[in-house]
Every structure is written in C-alpha cells, then in structure tokens.
Amino acid sequence: MMCKNKFGIFIFLIFIYAIVLRMYNIFEPLVTLGSGKVSPSSGFNNAVYSIAARNFVRYGYIDFGLGQILNTGRVAPEEFVYYITHPPLSALLTSISIRIFGMTEWSVQLVPAAFFDFLLDRLFFSGESGI
C-alpha cells in the first residue's frame, strides 16, 4: 500500500514539474522574430494554432468553412494556405481567448495551459478541483 502511494506522489510531482515547464516564459513570443526559432517552452504547434486563431478572428469562422488559414499577412482569399492536418478545435478555442483578452502572448498560450490543467484534474482528482 505504501509503495502505491509513493508512486502516485512521484507521478503527481512529474505533472507539477510539467506544469512549471509549460508556464515558463508564458509571456515570451512563440517565435523569436528575425531568427525563425520557436520558443522551446511552447512548441511549434502553439505557433501554428495561434496563427490560425488570429486568422479566425481576422477573417471570421463560417465564411471559410472553419478552415485554419496559415497566412501571416493580409492576402486575398484565393492565396490562402490551409492547415488541414489536425481538426480546428485548438485554434477555435484560442481564437475565443484572443477575442476576450486581445492578441497577446499569454492569451494565446492560455488555452493549452488550461486544457493541461483540466486533464490533470480529471486524472488525479476525478474532477473535484481545478478549473
């Protein structure tokens, strides 16, 4: 019985460490301008989803069939580049965060961090705590 509790505590500490790493540099840009380097705390997917989310806010949701547009500047609709590898839920939720809090680094990274907290809550506390 004692061994099982120690293992649970160990796993819990690993997840706490993962949260700390996830929140590290949350106010830093996802991509350092000029260098093309992606922030190691965020990962490339957050940069892609933030571009798609900003374009949802910029161009709308329904007009383009919930397509995740990856163009970084304003271009004509026939020049859009679509991201079709993954479903748009993450970008949609991130766009809602951008609409509420504005286009800031932390508002873009808020959705993945909150989702991670939600998963930890379900895993360890059966939904009795967290968000």
Protein backbone atom coordinates (compact mmCIF):
# COMPACT_ATOMS: atom_id res chain seq x y z
CA MET A 1 0.00 0.00 0.00
CA MET A 2 2.83 2.40 0.85
CA CYS A 3 4.56 1.68 -2.47
CA LYS A 4 1.43 2.60 -4.44
CA ASN A 5 1.12 5.95 -2.61
CA LYS A 6 4.77 6.77 -3.30
CA PHE A 7 4.27 6.02 -6.99
CA GLY A 8 1.20 8.27 -7.10
CA ILE A 9 3.13 11.09 -5.41
CA PHE A 10 6.00 10.59 -7.85
CA ILE A 11 3.67 10.81 -10.85
CA PHE A 12 1.96 13.86 -9.36
CA LEU A 13 5.34 15.61 -8.92
CA ILE A 14 6.22 14.85 -12.53
CA PHE A 15 2.99 16.53 -13.63
CA ILE A 16 3.64 19.54 -11.40
CA TYR A 17 7.08 19.83 -12.98
CA ALA A 18 5.45 19.64 -16.42
CA ILE A 19 3.08 22.48 -15.49
CA VAL A 20 6.00 24.61 -14.32
CA LEU A 21 7.81 23.96 -17.61
CA ARG A 22 4.62 24.75 -19.54
CA MET A 23 4.22 28.08 -17.76
CA TYR A 24 7.89 29.03 -18.13
CA ASN A 25 8.22 32.00 -20.49
CA ILE A 26 4.45 32.24 -20.97
CA PHE A 27 4.82 35.95 -21.75
CA GLU A 28 7.58 35.40 -24.33
CA PRO A 29 6.82 35.30 -28.06
CA LEU A 30 6.11 31.91 -29.59
CA VAL A 31 8.53 32.69 -32.42
CA THR A 32 11.51 34.97 -31.99
CA LEU A 33 11.24 37.45 -34.85
CA GLY A 34 14.17 37.51 -37.21
CA SER A 35 15.60 34.21 -36.04
CA GLY A 36 12.77 31.92 -37.07
CA LYS A 37 13.29 29.98 -33.82
CA VAL A 38 10.27 28.65 -31.96
CA SER A 39 10.21 29.09 -28.18
CA PRO A 40 11.12 25.74 -26.59
CA SER A 41 8.52 26.15 -23.86
CA SER A 42 5.67 26.47 -26.34
CA GLY A 43 6.42 24.15 -29.18
CA PHE A 44 5.71 24.59 -32.86
CA ASN A 45 2.02 23.61 -32.62
CA ASN A 46 1.14 26.60 -30.47
CA ALA A 47 2.68 28.89 -33.06
CA VAL A 48 0.67 27.25 -35.86
CA TYR A 49 -2.56 27.30 -33.85
CA SER A 50 -2.00 30.92 -32.83
CA ILE A 51 -1.64 31.94 -36.48
CA ALA A 52 -4.81 30.03 -37.37
CA ALA A 53 -6.63 31.52 -34.34
CA ARG A 54 -5.61 35.05 -35.27
CA ASN A 55 -6.89 34.41 -38.78
CA PHE A 56 -10.22 33.13 -37.39
CA VAL A 57 -10.53 36.48 -35.61
CA ARG A 58 -9.38 38.38 -38.69
CA TYR A 59 -11.42 36.63 -41.41
CA GLY A 60 -14.29 35.01 -39.48
CA TYR A 61 -15.29 31.43 -38.76
CA ILE A 62 -18.03 30.40 -41.16
CA ASP A 63 -17.02 32.19 -44.37
CA PHE A 64 -14.09 29.82 -44.91
CA GLY A 65 -15.69 26.64 -43.57
CA LEU A 66 -13.72 26.65 -40.29
CA GLY A 67 -10.53 26.29 -42.33
CA GLN A 68 -7.33 27.04 -40.47
CA ILE A 69 -5.63 29.73 -42.54
CA LEU A 70 -1.84 29.90 -42.08
CA ASN A 71 -1.01 33.10 -43.94
CA THR A 72 0.67 35.63 -41.66
CA GLY A 73 -0.24 38.79 -43.55
CA ARG A 74 -3.40 40.02 -45.21
CA VAL A 75 -3.81 38.22 -48.52
CA ALA A 76 -6.61 37.61 -50.98
CA PRO A 77 -8.78 34.56 -50.25
CA GLU A 78 -7.51 32.72 -53.33
CA GLU A 79 -3.98 32.86 -51.87
CA PHE A 80 -4.90 31.27 -48.51
CA VAL A 81 -2.80 28.37 -47.29
CA TYR A 82 -4.89 25.98 -45.19
CA TYR A 83 -3.69 23.76 -42.35
CA ILE A 84 -5.63 20.51 -42.77
CA THR A 85 -3.54 18.09 -40.72
CA HIS A 86 -5.48 18.47 -37.45
CA PRO A 87 -9.05 19.46 -36.53
CA PRO A 88 -9.59 23.15 -35.69
CA LEU A 89 -10.72 22.85 -32.03
CA SER A 90 -7.49 24.17 -30.50
CA ALA A 91 -7.37 27.11 -32.90
CA LEU A 92 -11.07 27.84 -32.33
CA LEU A 93 -10.68 27.90 -28.54
CA THR A 94 -7.54 30.01 -28.86
CA SER A 95 -9.41 32.47 -31.10
CA ILE A 96 -12.08 32.85 -28.41
CA SER A 97 -9.32 33.63 -25.91
CA ILE A 98 -7.91 36.21 -28.34
CA ARG A 99 -11.36 37.81 -28.74
CA ILE A 100 -11.75 38.06 -24.95
CA PHE A 101 -8.22 39.09 -23.89
CA GLY A 102 -6.75 40.57 -27.07
CA MET A 103 -3.85 39.36 -29.20
CA THR A 104 -1.19 38.83 -26.54
CA GLU A 105 1.29 36.02 -25.97
CA TRP A 106 -0.32 34.83 -22.76
CA SER A 107 -3.86 34.82 -24.21
CA VAL A 108 -2.63 32.53 -26.99
CA GLN A 109 -0.93 30.18 -24.54
CA LEU A 110 -3.79 30.25 -22.04
CA VAL A 111 -5.93 27.62 -23.81
CA PRO A 112 -3.29 24.84 -23.95
CA ALA A 113 -2.27 25.55 -20.34
CA ALA A 114 -5.89 25.48 -19.12
CA PHE A 115 -6.55 22.27 -21.06
CA PHE A 116 -3.48 20.67 -19.45
CA ASP A 117 -4.78 21.71 -16.01
CA PHE A 118 -8.18 20.22 -16.88
CA LEU A 119 -6.58 16.89 -17.85
CA LEU A 120 -4.57 16.77 -14.64
CA ASP A 121 -7.71 17.47 -12.64
CA ARG A 122 -9.55 14.58 -14.31
CA LEU A 123 -6.59 12.25 -13.94
CA PHE A 124 -5.73 12.84 -10.29
CA PHE A 125 -8.76 14.35 -8.60
CA SER A 126 -11.73 12.94 -10.55
CA GLY A 127 -12.89 16.42 -11.46
CA GLU A 128 -13.18 17.72 -7.88
CA SER A 129 -10.70 20.58 -8.26
CA GLY A 130 -9.05 22.73 -10.92
CA ILE A 131 -10.96 24.77 -13.46
